[in-house]
Each structure stands twice: as structure tokens, then as C-alpha cells.
């Protein structure tokens, strides 16, 4: 069994909201993931004229990231014994060989485990625990979203911008719809789980809310080279401007309508003013910026749900308040709690960064997994009503949400859960 230091290093490397410490280097592999020279080449006269916000030295077009090495793959002789059993990735079995373990005494623990399709299981698994079924079940965005896909409402004709960590550009979930990828600044980091995860949850073929949408992606770090412990939003702000500049070149019917960032912004951090200016520009240009501080930037109350891994993702009655939210949500005044709508968050399967057909299941997700869901839903609504605004979208979200009583410890609470099918019907009728 690996020691606590190894587990701590693994958890630290994979924490969903950790700031990625990108190095300023990269590898140019040609234009395999670019759109066209007209729409992506920053060296053209047109692009230089309309894209003044980012210095040329920060631009690299057509970088391709390959699967990262499975650096953590090893044989486990015992299951993890974390100090905090409720922490994300506490029972992390991804890419581990646990075939020699007797899992029968650990049936309850397995329901809290994170694993992937590289986990090597023993022949005998506790009755009722089916990792293949759980992995597949977790791909479903849930709450009837796939019934919308069957009607052709899948985000086609809409583009989504994503700003996150380095992306595995060749994953089967989205590679055929990746129109543009670059890094600000250029990185020599391998493909990261977080970027690949949020992308697949937004628009992946099997995991995504909007599997027909096109993707424009910028990998951007949150720290400076010379100050790795100091958060800065300057690169993220530049990335928003870059996507908006690209959007000016896109034809109608292919415009970026939403930019998804699984990150919130604190007034005390460096680059906050620049970030708010970039978001304001996006608002003026009709692009919805979805972040984990969406409440501060738009006034929308967004929180996350969980369900039992074996329960149907489409049954709203199977959901409850997710993870850490359970602790503080009962403390809110009624007038404050009523402004929130809950979206699927935990118990999701998403694209992994270690191979092009790799998938990971995580028992906990955090708001990082909620933002791509919101972004994907907005793309669906843009498809059925191209002139929709974020305010109109949110009004429809609140008007059509399920009202459901949930047991939160000793407290019974009424929460509102997003209803994607009724949401789209509402928007179609406007």
C-alpha cells in the first residue's frame, strides 16, 4: 500500500479547483486542431487588427496535447485509509490494480470510491456493486437531457468557449468538434484531468449536455512564473478577450454563445478588475460567461446535486443536496435559499486525460462539474431561440424547475431542481 505522503501528493495533483502551475513552454504540432487560417491565425493582418488584447508572444495556434502518462498506476495491497473519508478522492482507485484485494468487507466503502476504466478489479466484487454499470450510468447528464438529444436539440449551430487547464485535444468525446485550441501562456504541462473533464461534461458525445456544439478552448493558468502561490486572473481575462476576438470572425450560426469557466473570482486577487472588464465586454457582445461566481456576476443562484450511484440520473426524485452544500444550505434564510436552483454535480463520469477513450467516475464533483452543465443547457436554449439572453434563460430555469422535498440530516427542505425538458419547452414557446 502506498503511504500517506503518496496519497497526499496524488490528491493535491488532482484537486478539482487547484490552480494549475503552467510553465511558459510548449510544443507546436501543426494545425490539426485549428479552424481555418482565416479564423485562427493571429499573424494575419485582420486578426492582428481585431485581436489587440493579447501580445503575440502568448499566442500558439494548433498545439496538440497527447494523453498524459499513467504516472499513478500501481498495485494496491490494501484500500486507502484517508484521514478525511469525506474528502474528494479519499477512496481513489483510478488506474490502480486492486485485483488481489478482498473487497467483500468493504462493500460500503466502494460506493464512495472514484475509479476509471483502467481500474483492475478482483474477480469477486460485493453483490450489487457493478463498476461497469456505474461508469456508464454516470455518463448520462440526467434529468431528461438525452430525450432532448433524441429530438435533435443537442446544441448544433452553437459554439461553446471553455477556459481551463491543458486539454487532451484528441479525446473521442469531442475531438471532432474542437475548432480551436491554444494556451495563454504556452505550457509544457501534459493534458490535465480537469480541462478534459469539464469539456466532456459540457459537450461530450456521451457525457455532455450539448453534444452537437462546437468547441473553442483556451488553456490558461492562474499563477505567474515567479509567484506560483499568488493567484492572478490576468491570463483568464486575456483568454476571454481572445475568445471574443475569435468570435468576431465566426459566421452567424457558429458563434460562441457561452464561455464556461469552472472557477470563481475574489475581489482581493490580482487581475480582478481585468476579469470584470472582460466579463462586461462579453455581456455587451451577447456572450454568457458561466463561472462559479455566477451569483456575483449575474445574480443567478446555482448549486449542485448528488444521487446514489446506482439510481437513475433521469429521476429527479433520486437527487439530494450535494456534498459540502448540505452543511451550510440549512443555515440560509428562506428568502435567500429560494433564489437557488440545483443542477447535477456529483456521481458523474467524464473523459479522462490518460487515453483517448479513457473515462473516470467521481463520487464527488464540486461546482466545477456544475458550470459545464449550465453552459451546455444554455447552448441547447440558444439552438431553439438564437436571440435568447442569460436573463431570459435564468427566468425560464426558475419558472420550470421541479420543487422537491429532500431530507438533509434531521431537516426536511424544499429545493428547486432544474428541469431541462420543461426549460427547453418554455424557451421554444417564447
Protein backbone atom coordinates (compact mmCIF):
# COMPACT_ATOMS: atom_id res chain seq x y z
CA UNK A 1 0.00 0.00 0.00
CA UNK A 2 1.28 3.44 -0.84
CA UNK A 3 1.88 5.77 2.11
CA UNK A 4 0.11 8.91 3.23
CA UNK A 5 2.65 11.13 1.51
CA UNK A 6 1.95 9.44 -1.81
CA UNK A 7 -1.80 9.72 -1.34
CA UNK A 8 -1.48 13.38 -0.36
CA UNK A 9 0.58 14.12 -3.45
CA UNK A 10 -1.95 12.32 -5.64
CA UNK A 11 -4.88 14.17 -4.11
CA UNK A 12 -3.11 17.51 -4.41
CA UNK A 13 -2.36 16.87 -8.07
CA UNK A 14 -5.99 16.07 -8.80
CA UNK A 15 -7.97 18.55 -6.67
CA UNK A 16 -10.64 19.94 -8.97
CA UNK A 17 -10.21 23.61 -8.21
CA UNK A 18 -6.43 23.69 -7.77
CA UNK A 19 -4.53 26.41 -9.59
CA UNK A 20 -2.50 24.84 -12.37
CA UNK A 21 1.11 25.91 -12.40
CA UNK A 22 1.79 26.04 -16.10
CA UNK A 23 5.32 26.56 -17.38
CA UNK A 24 5.89 29.00 -20.23
CA UNK A 25 6.87 26.50 -22.88
CA UNK A 26 5.04 24.42 -25.46
CA UNK A 27 5.19 22.18 -28.48
CA UNK A 28 3.82 23.17 -31.86
CA UNK A 29 2.50 20.22 -33.83
CA UNK A 30 0.79 21.89 -36.73
CA UNK A 31 -2.80 22.94 -37.32
CA UNK A 32 -4.61 19.70 -36.59
CA UNK A 33 -6.91 21.34 -34.07
CA UNK A 34 -7.29 24.79 -35.59
CA UNK A 35 -10.31 26.00 -37.53
CA UNK A 36 -9.04 27.79 -40.63
CA UNK A 37 -6.19 30.17 -41.27
CA UNK A 38 -8.71 32.97 -41.60
CA UNK A 39 -10.29 32.36 -38.19
CA UNK A 40 -7.32 31.31 -36.06
CA UNK A 41 -4.00 32.65 -37.33
CA UNK A 42 -3.05 35.56 -35.09
CA UNK A 43 -0.36 36.61 -37.55
CA UNK A 44 -2.79 37.71 -40.25
CA UNK A 45 -3.44 41.41 -40.71
CA UNK A 46 -7.13 41.02 -39.92
CA UNK A 47 -6.55 39.07 -36.72
CA UNK A 48 -3.89 41.49 -35.55
CA UNK A 49 -6.30 44.37 -36.10
CA UNK A 50 -9.25 42.90 -34.22
CA UNK A 51 -7.36 40.93 -31.57
CA UNK A 52 -5.27 43.54 -29.75
CA UNK A 53 -5.78 42.26 -26.22
CA UNK A 54 -3.08 39.59 -26.10
CA UNK A 55 0.59 40.03 -27.03
CA UNK A 56 1.70 37.86 -29.96
CA UNK A 57 4.30 36.20 -27.76
CA UNK A 58 1.48 34.50 -25.81
CA UNK A 59 -0.21 33.03 -28.87
CA UNK A 60 0.34 29.48 -30.05
CA UNK A 61 -2.17 28.10 -32.53
CA UNK A 62 -2.65 24.43 -33.27
CA UNK A 63 -0.96 22.93 -30.23
CA UNK A 64 -1.98 19.33 -29.79
CA UNK A 65 -1.87 17.66 -26.39
CA UNK A 66 -1.50 13.90 -26.29
CA UNK A 67 -2.63 11.59 -23.45
CA UNK A 68 -0.64 12.06 -20.27
CA UNK A 69 1.37 9.19 -18.77
CA UNK A 70 -0.36 6.98 -16.22
CA UNK A 71 2.09 8.05 -13.56
CA UNK A 72 -0.04 6.77 -10.71
CA UNK A 73 -0.69 3.24 -11.97
CA UNK A 74 0.39 0.71 -9.39
CA UNK A 75 -0.76 -2.36 -7.49
CA UNK A 76 -2.62 -1.76 -4.23
CA UNK A 77 -2.24 -4.29 -1.44
CA UNK A 78 -4.82 -2.52 0.74
CA UNK A 79 -7.51 0.08 0.26
CA UNK A 80 -6.78 3.71 1.15
CA UNK A 81 -7.31 4.77 4.77
CA UNK A 82 -7.73 8.53 4.42
CA UNK A 83 -7.63 10.92 7.34
CA UNK A 84 -10.78 12.59 5.96
CA UNK A 85 -13.09 9.91 4.49
CA UNK A 86 -15.40 12.59 3.07
CA UNK A 87 -12.71 14.48 1.16
CA UNK A 88 -12.72 14.40 -2.67
CA UNK A 89 -10.74 11.43 -3.98
CA UNK A 90 -10.49 9.97 -0.46
CA UNK A 91 -11.05 6.50 -1.91
CA UNK A 92 -9.22 6.97 -5.18
CA UNK A 93 -8.94 3.77 -7.21
CA UNK A 94 -8.31 5.33 -10.62
CA UNK A 95 -5.74 3.43 -12.65
CA UNK A 96 -4.93 1.13 -9.74
CA UNK A 97 -4.69 -2.66 -9.87
CA UNK A 98 -6.74 -3.92 -6.93
CA UNK A 99 -7.27 -7.42 -8.29
CA UNK A 100 -5.54 -9.02 -5.30
CA UNK A 101 -7.82 -7.41 -2.72
CA UNK A 102 -10.76 -8.96 -0.91
CA UNK A 103 -13.47 -6.32 -1.31
CA UNK A 104 -16.25 -8.19 0.46
CA UNK A 105 -15.62 -6.48 3.85
CA UNK A 106 -15.54 -3.07 2.12
CA UNK A 107 -18.87 -3.01 0.29
CA UNK A 108 -20.00 0.30 1.80
CA UNK A 109 -16.67 1.97 1.07
CA UNK A 110 -16.87 1.11 -2.63
CA UNK A 111 -19.92 3.32 -3.10
CA UNK A 112 -17.70 6.30 -2.19
CA UNK A 113 -14.84 5.27 -4.49
CA UNK A 114 -13.55 7.08 -7.57
CA UNK A 115 -12.38 4.77 -10.37
CA UNK A 116 -11.86 4.63 -14.12
CA UNK A 117 -11.89 2.14 -16.96
CA UNK A 118 -8.25 1.35 -16.18
CA UNK A 119 -9.02 0.18 -12.64
CA UNK A 120 -8.28 -3.56 -12.44
CA UNK A 121 -10.93 -5.19 -10.25
CA UNK A 122 -10.82 -8.55 -8.48
CA UNK A 123 -12.96 -11.38 -9.82
CA UNK A 124 -15.24 -11.25 -6.76
CA UNK A 125 -16.94 -7.92 -6.15
CA UNK A 126 -19.58 -7.27 -3.46
CA UNK A 127 -23.09 -8.03 -4.66
CA UNK A 128 -24.86 -5.03 -6.16
CA UNK A 129 -21.71 -3.08 -6.93
CA UNK A 130 -21.21 -3.08 -10.69
CA UNK A 131 -18.40 -0.68 -11.71
CA UNK A 132 -19.19 -1.00 -15.43
CA UNK A 133 -22.82 -0.07 -14.87
CA UNK A 134 -21.92 2.81 -12.52
CA UNK A 135 -19.40 4.17 -15.04
CA UNK A 136 -21.97 4.08 -17.85
CA UNK A 137 -24.74 5.44 -15.64
CA UNK A 138 -22.54 8.39 -14.74
CA UNK A 139 -22.14 9.41 -18.38
CA UNK A 140 -25.82 10.34 -18.58
CA UNK A 141 -26.29 14.08 -17.91
CA UNK A 142 -29.64 13.13 -16.46
CA UNK A 143 -33.00 14.85 -15.84
CA UNK A 144 -34.19 14.05 -19.36
CA UNK A 145 -31.39 15.76 -21.28
CA UNK A 146 -30.91 12.74 -23.55
CA UNK A 147 -34.59 12.91 -24.55
CA UNK A 148 -33.83 16.38 -25.91
CA UNK A 149 -30.89 14.96 -27.87
CA UNK A 150 -33.26 12.43 -29.43
CA UNK A 151 -35.32 15.36 -30.72
CA UNK A 152 -32.23 16.90 -32.30
CA UNK A 153 -31.83 19.52 -29.57
CA UNK A 154 -28.15 18.96 -28.86
CA UNK A 155 -26.51 22.37 -29.26
CA UNK A 156 -25.89 22.15 -33.01
CA UNK A 157 -25.28 25.54 -34.57
CA UNK A 158 -23.89 26.85 -31.27
CA UNK A 159 -20.28 27.13 -30.14
CA UNK A 160 -19.06 26.91 -26.55
CA UNK A 161 -15.85 28.51 -25.31
CA UNK A 162 -14.06 26.85 -22.41
CA UNK A 163 -11.16 28.26 -20.39
CA UNK A 164 -9.48 25.76 -18.11
CA UNK A 165 -6.34 23.65 -17.76
CA UNK A 166 -4.47 21.91 -20.60
CA UNK A 167 -6.76 19.75 -22.74
CA UNK A 168 -6.38 16.29 -24.22
CA UNK A 169 -7.26 17.51 -27.71
CA UNK A 170 -7.67 14.04 -29.22
CA UNK A 171 -10.27 12.50 -26.88
CA UNK A 172 -13.13 10.74 -28.64
CA UNK A 173 -15.73 12.71 -26.65
CA UNK A 174 -15.11 15.99 -28.50
CA UNK A 175 -12.09 15.84 -30.85
CA UNK A 176 -14.26 16.03 -33.98
CA UNK A 177 -15.81 19.33 -32.79
CA UNK A 178 -12.68 21.01 -31.43
CA UNK A 179 -12.38 24.00 -33.73
CA UNK A 180 -9.63 25.90 -31.91
CA UNK A 181 -7.16 25.22 -29.10
CA UNK A 182 -4.42 27.42 -27.71
CA UNK A 183 -2.64 28.16 -24.44
CA UNK A 184 -2.18 31.53 -22.73
CA UNK A 185 0.65 31.48 -21.93
CA UNK A 186 2.06 28.45 -23.70
CA UNK A 187 2.54 25.46 -21.41
CA UNK A 188 4.66 22.34 -21.34
CA UNK A 189 2.25 20.61 -18.95
CA UNK A 190 0.61 17.35 -20.11
CA UNK A 191 -3.13 17.08 -20.66
CA UNK A 192 -4.96 17.68 -17.36
CA UNK A 193 -7.92 15.82 -15.92
CA UNK A 194 -9.84 18.98 -15.05
CA UNK A 195 -9.94 20.51 -18.52
CA UNK A 196 -10.79 17.23 -20.18
CA UNK A 197 -13.47 16.61 -17.57
CA UNK A 198 -15.32 19.92 -17.85
CA UNK A 199 -15.19 19.77 -21.65
CA UNK A 200 -16.78 16.32 -21.83
CA UNK A 201 -19.48 17.31 -19.33
CA UNK A 202 -20.38 20.38 -21.38
CA UNK A 203 -20.41 18.89 -24.88
CA UNK A 204 -19.03 15.34 -24.91
CA UNK A 205 -20.67 12.82 -27.23
CA UNK A 206 -21.79 10.55 -24.40
CA UNK A 207 -21.24 12.65 -21.25
CA UNK A 208 -22.22 16.10 -22.41
CA UNK A 209 -25.34 18.24 -22.17
CA UNK A 210 -24.71 19.74 -25.65
CA UNK A 211 -23.03 17.01 -27.76
CA UNK A 212 -23.75 18.84 -31.00
CA UNK A 213 -22.00 22.07 -30.05
CA UNK A 214 -18.60 23.14 -31.38
CA UNK A 215 -15.69 23.83 -29.05
CA UNK A 216 -13.25 26.75 -28.80
CA UNK A 217 -10.80 26.11 -25.99
CA UNK A 218 -8.06 28.09 -24.27
CA UNK A 219 -5.84 26.58 -21.61
CA UNK A 220 -4.91 29.29 -19.13
CA UNK A 221 -3.10 29.24 -15.84
CA UNK A 222 -3.91 31.04 -12.61
CA UNK A 223 -0.43 31.95 -11.36
CA UNK A 224 2.72 33.74 -12.52
CA UNK A 225 6.03 32.01 -13.22
CA UNK A 226 7.79 33.98 -10.50
CA UNK A 227 4.93 33.85 -7.96
CA UNK A 228 3.45 30.33 -8.03
CA UNK A 229 1.49 30.89 -4.82
CA UNK A 230 -0.17 34.12 -5.92
CA UNK A 231 -3.46 33.88 -7.79
CA UNK A 232 -3.86 36.10 -10.85
CA UNK A 233 -6.82 36.38 -13.21
CA UNK A 234 -4.92 38.28 -15.87
CA UNK A 235 -4.44 35.26 -18.15
CA UNK A 236 -8.08 34.24 -17.75
CA UNK A 237 -9.18 37.77 -18.65
CA UNK A 238 -6.91 37.69 -21.70
CA UNK A 239 -8.44 34.35 -22.64
CA UNK A 240 -11.96 35.79 -22.56
CA UNK A 241 -10.86 38.63 -24.82
CA UNK A 242 -9.19 36.15 -27.14
CA UNK A 243 -12.37 34.08 -27.47
CA UNK A 244 -14.41 37.22 -28.06
CA UNK A 245 -11.93 38.35 -30.74
CA UNK A 246 -12.21 34.96 -32.45
CA UNK A 247 -15.98 35.22 -32.19
CA UNK A 248 -15.95 38.41 -34.27
CA UNK A 249 -14.59 36.33 -37.14
CA UNK A 250 -17.11 33.48 -36.89
CA UNK A 251 -20.13 33.42 -39.20
CA UNK A 252 -23.69 33.57 -37.91
CA UNK A 253 -24.83 30.13 -36.88
CA UNK A 254 -21.41 29.27 -35.48
CA UNK A 255 -20.97 31.99 -32.87
CA UNK A 256 -19.64 31.35 -29.38
CA UNK A 257 -22.67 32.00 -27.16
CA UNK A 258 -21.30 30.91 -23.80
CA UNK A 259 -17.87 30.76 -22.15
CA UNK A 260 -17.55 28.20 -19.37
CA UNK A 261 -15.01 28.60 -16.58
CA UNK A 262 -15.09 26.32 -13.55
CA UNK A 263 -13.55 28.98 -11.38
CA UNK A 264 -14.76 31.84 -9.19
CA UNK A 265 -13.19 35.27 -8.75
CA UNK A 266 -12.31 37.03 -5.50
CA UNK A 267 -12.07 40.82 -5.34
CA UNK A 268 -8.84 40.58 -3.37
CA UNK A 269 -6.93 38.67 -6.05
CA UNK A 270 -4.66 40.13 -8.70
CA UNK A 271 -6.35 40.79 -12.02
CA UNK A 272 -9.88 41.02 -10.62
CA UNK A 273 -10.57 44.35 -12.35
CA UNK A 274 -9.29 42.95 -15.65
CA UNK A 275 -11.54 39.91 -15.25
CA UNK A 276 -14.63 42.01 -14.55
CA UNK A 277 -13.84 44.18 -17.58
CA UNK A 278 -13.56 41.09 -19.78
CA UNK A 279 -16.87 39.73 -18.48
CA UNK A 280 -18.51 43.10 -19.09
CA UNK A 281 -17.26 43.06 -22.67
CA UNK A 282 -18.72 39.57 -23.10
CA UNK A 283 -22.09 40.77 -21.82
CA UNK A 284 -22.04 43.66 -24.28
CA UNK A 285 -21.28 41.25 -27.12
CA UNK A 286 -24.01 38.77 -26.19
CA UNK A 287 -21.80 36.05 -24.71
CA UNK A 288 -22.77 34.45 -21.39
CA UNK A 289 -19.77 33.88 -19.08
CA UNK A 290 -20.55 31.00 -16.70
CA UNK A 291 -18.27 30.75 -13.65
CA UNK A 292 -18.55 29.54 -10.08
CA UNK A 293 -19.09 33.16 -9.04
CA UNK A 294 -22.10 33.42 -11.35
CA UNK A 295 -24.12 34.77 -8.42
CA UNK A 296 -21.93 37.84 -8.10
CA UNK A 297 -21.64 38.44 -11.84
CA UNK A 298 -25.23 37.73 -12.92
CA UNK A 299 -27.29 37.28 -9.75
CA UNK A 300 -28.07 33.62 -10.55
CA UNK A 301 -28.13 31.11 -7.67
CA UNK A 302 -26.54 27.84 -8.83
CA UNK A 303 -25.85 24.82 -6.60
CA UNK A 304 -25.22 21.10 -7.05
CA UNK A 305 -26.95 17.75 -6.54
CA UNK A 306 -25.93 14.20 -5.79
CA UNK A 307 -27.64 10.82 -6.09
CA UNK A 308 -26.83 7.22 -5.26
CA UNK A 309 -24.51 5.77 -7.94
CA UNK A 310 -26.99 3.02 -8.81
CA UNK A 311 -30.01 5.34 -9.15
CA UNK A 312 -31.33 6.65 -12.46
CA UNK A 313 -29.83 10.04 -13.39
CA UNK A 314 -33.14 10.91 -15.09
CA UNK A 315 -35.31 10.58 -11.97
CA UNK A 316 -35.40 13.93 -10.17
CA UNK A 317 -36.79 12.20 -7.07
CA UNK A 318 -33.48 10.37 -6.62
CA UNK A 319 -31.45 13.55 -6.12
CA UNK A 320 -30.47 15.34 -2.93
CA UNK A 321 -28.35 18.32 -1.95
CA UNK A 322 -24.77 17.58 -2.97
CA UNK A 323 -21.76 17.08 -0.72
CA UNK A 324 -20.44 20.09 1.19
CA UNK A 325 -23.55 22.16 0.35
CA UNK A 326 -25.56 20.13 2.88
CA UNK A 327 -23.68 21.73 5.74
CA UNK A 328 -24.47 25.39 5.10
CA UNK A 329 -27.65 25.37 2.99
CA UNK A 330 -29.98 24.87 6.02
CA UNK A 331 -28.47 27.99 7.60
CA UNK A 332 -29.76 30.25 4.81
CA UNK A 333 -32.85 32.35 5.38
CA UNK A 334 -35.85 31.19 3.36
CA UNK A 335 -35.76 34.23 1.08
CA UNK A 336 -32.08 33.51 0.34
CA UNK A 337 -32.44 29.75 -0.25
CA UNK A 338 -35.31 30.31 -2.69
CA UNK A 339 -33.00 32.01 -5.19
CA UNK A 340 -31.04 28.81 -5.82
CA UNK A 341 -31.65 26.16 -8.44
CA UNK A 342 -29.81 22.85 -8.18
CA UNK A 343 -28.05 21.06 -11.06
CA UNK A 344 -26.38 17.61 -11.27
CA UNK A 345 -22.92 17.77 -9.70
CA UNK A 346 -21.74 14.52 -8.11
CA UNK A 347 -21.70 10.90 -9.31
CA UNK A 348 -20.60 11.81 -12.83
CA UNK A 349 -18.44 10.07 -15.42
CA UNK A 350 -16.25 12.26 -17.61
CA UNK A 351 -13.42 11.94 -20.12
CA UNK A 352 -10.06 11.04 -18.64
CA UNK A 353 -6.76 12.59 -19.68
CA UNK A 354 -4.68 9.40 -19.89
CA UNK A 355 -6.02 8.00 -23.17
CA UNK A 356 -8.35 8.97 -25.98
CA UNK A 357 -11.05 6.52 -24.89
CA UNK A 358 -10.49 6.84 -21.15
CA UNK A 359 -13.27 7.67 -18.66
CA UNK A 360 -13.31 8.39 -14.94
CA UNK A 361 -16.16 8.17 -12.44
CA UNK A 362 -16.10 10.52 -9.45
CA UNK A 363 -18.38 10.27 -6.45
CA UNK A 364 -17.84 13.98 -5.75
CA UNK A 365 -17.57 16.75 -8.29
CA UNK A 366 -17.97 20.22 -6.81
CA UNK A 367 -19.21 23.28 -8.68
CA UNK A 368 -16.52 22.59 -11.29
CA UNK A 369 -18.90 19.98 -12.72
CA UNK A 370 -21.99 22.19 -12.44
CA UNK A 371 -20.74 25.05 -14.63
CA UNK A 372 -20.33 22.95 -17.81
CA UNK A 373 -23.85 21.60 -17.20
CA UNK A 374 -25.26 25.15 -17.03
CA UNK A 375 -23.23 26.12 -20.11
CA UNK A 376 -24.47 23.11 -22.07
CA UNK A 377 -28.09 23.87 -21.18
CA UNK A 378 -27.66 27.44 -22.33
CA UNK A 379 -26.32 26.13 -25.65
CA UNK A 380 -29.46 23.99 -26.06
CA UNK A 381 -31.63 27.03 -25.42
CA UNK A 382 -29.58 29.09 -27.89
CA UNK A 383 -30.27 26.43 -30.50
CA UNK A 384 -34.05 26.71 -30.11
CA UNK A 385 -34.07 30.51 -29.60
CA UNK A 386 -30.95 32.13 -31.10
CA UNK A 387 -31.65 35.56 -29.61
CA UNK A 388 -32.04 34.33 -26.02
CA UNK A 389 -30.26 36.27 -23.27
CA UNK A 390 -28.83 34.99 -19.97
CA UNK A 391 -31.58 36.78 -18.02
CA UNK A 392 -34.29 35.21 -20.17
CA UNK A 393 -32.62 31.81 -19.77
CA UNK A 394 -32.49 32.11 -16.00
CA UNK A 395 -36.09 33.29 -15.76
CA UNK A 396 -37.12 30.15 -17.63
CA UNK A 397 -34.88 27.98 -15.43
CA UNK A 398 -36.59 29.25 -12.28
CA UNK A 399 -40.10 29.10 -13.74
CA UNK A 400 -39.80 25.46 -14.85
CA UNK A 401 -37.75 23.97 -12.00
CA UNK A 402 -39.00 20.97 -10.05
CA UNK A 403 -39.87 21.67 -6.41
CA UNK A 404 -38.79 18.76 -4.27
CA UNK A 405 -38.57 18.00 -0.58
CA UNK A 406 -35.29 16.41 0.46
CA UNK A 407 -34.00 15.02 3.74
CA UNK A 408 -30.91 16.90 4.82
CA UNK A 409 -29.79 15.27 8.04
CA UNK A 410 -32.56 15.93 10.56
CA UNK A 411 -34.03 18.69 8.41
CA UNK A 412 -36.54 18.40 5.57
CA UNK A 413 -36.03 21.13 3.00
CA UNK A 414 -37.69 22.13 -0.25
CA UNK A 415 -35.28 22.76 -3.08
CA UNK A 416 -35.67 23.58 -6.75
CA UNK A 417 -34.11 21.27 -9.32
CA UNK A 418 -33.53 22.23 -12.95
CA UNK A 419 -36.00 20.66 -15.39
CA UNK A 420 -34.24 20.62 -18.78
CA UNK A 421 -37.18 19.31 -20.84
CA UNK A 422 -39.63 21.86 -19.49
CA UNK A 423 -36.96 24.56 -19.71
CA UNK A 424 -36.49 23.97 -23.44
CA UNK A 425 -40.27 23.73 -23.99
CA UNK A 426 -40.65 27.08 -22.24
CA UNK A 427 -37.97 28.68 -24.39
CA UNK A 428 -39.44 27.16 -27.58
CA UNK A 429 -42.80 28.74 -26.72
CA UNK A 430 -41.48 32.26 -26.34
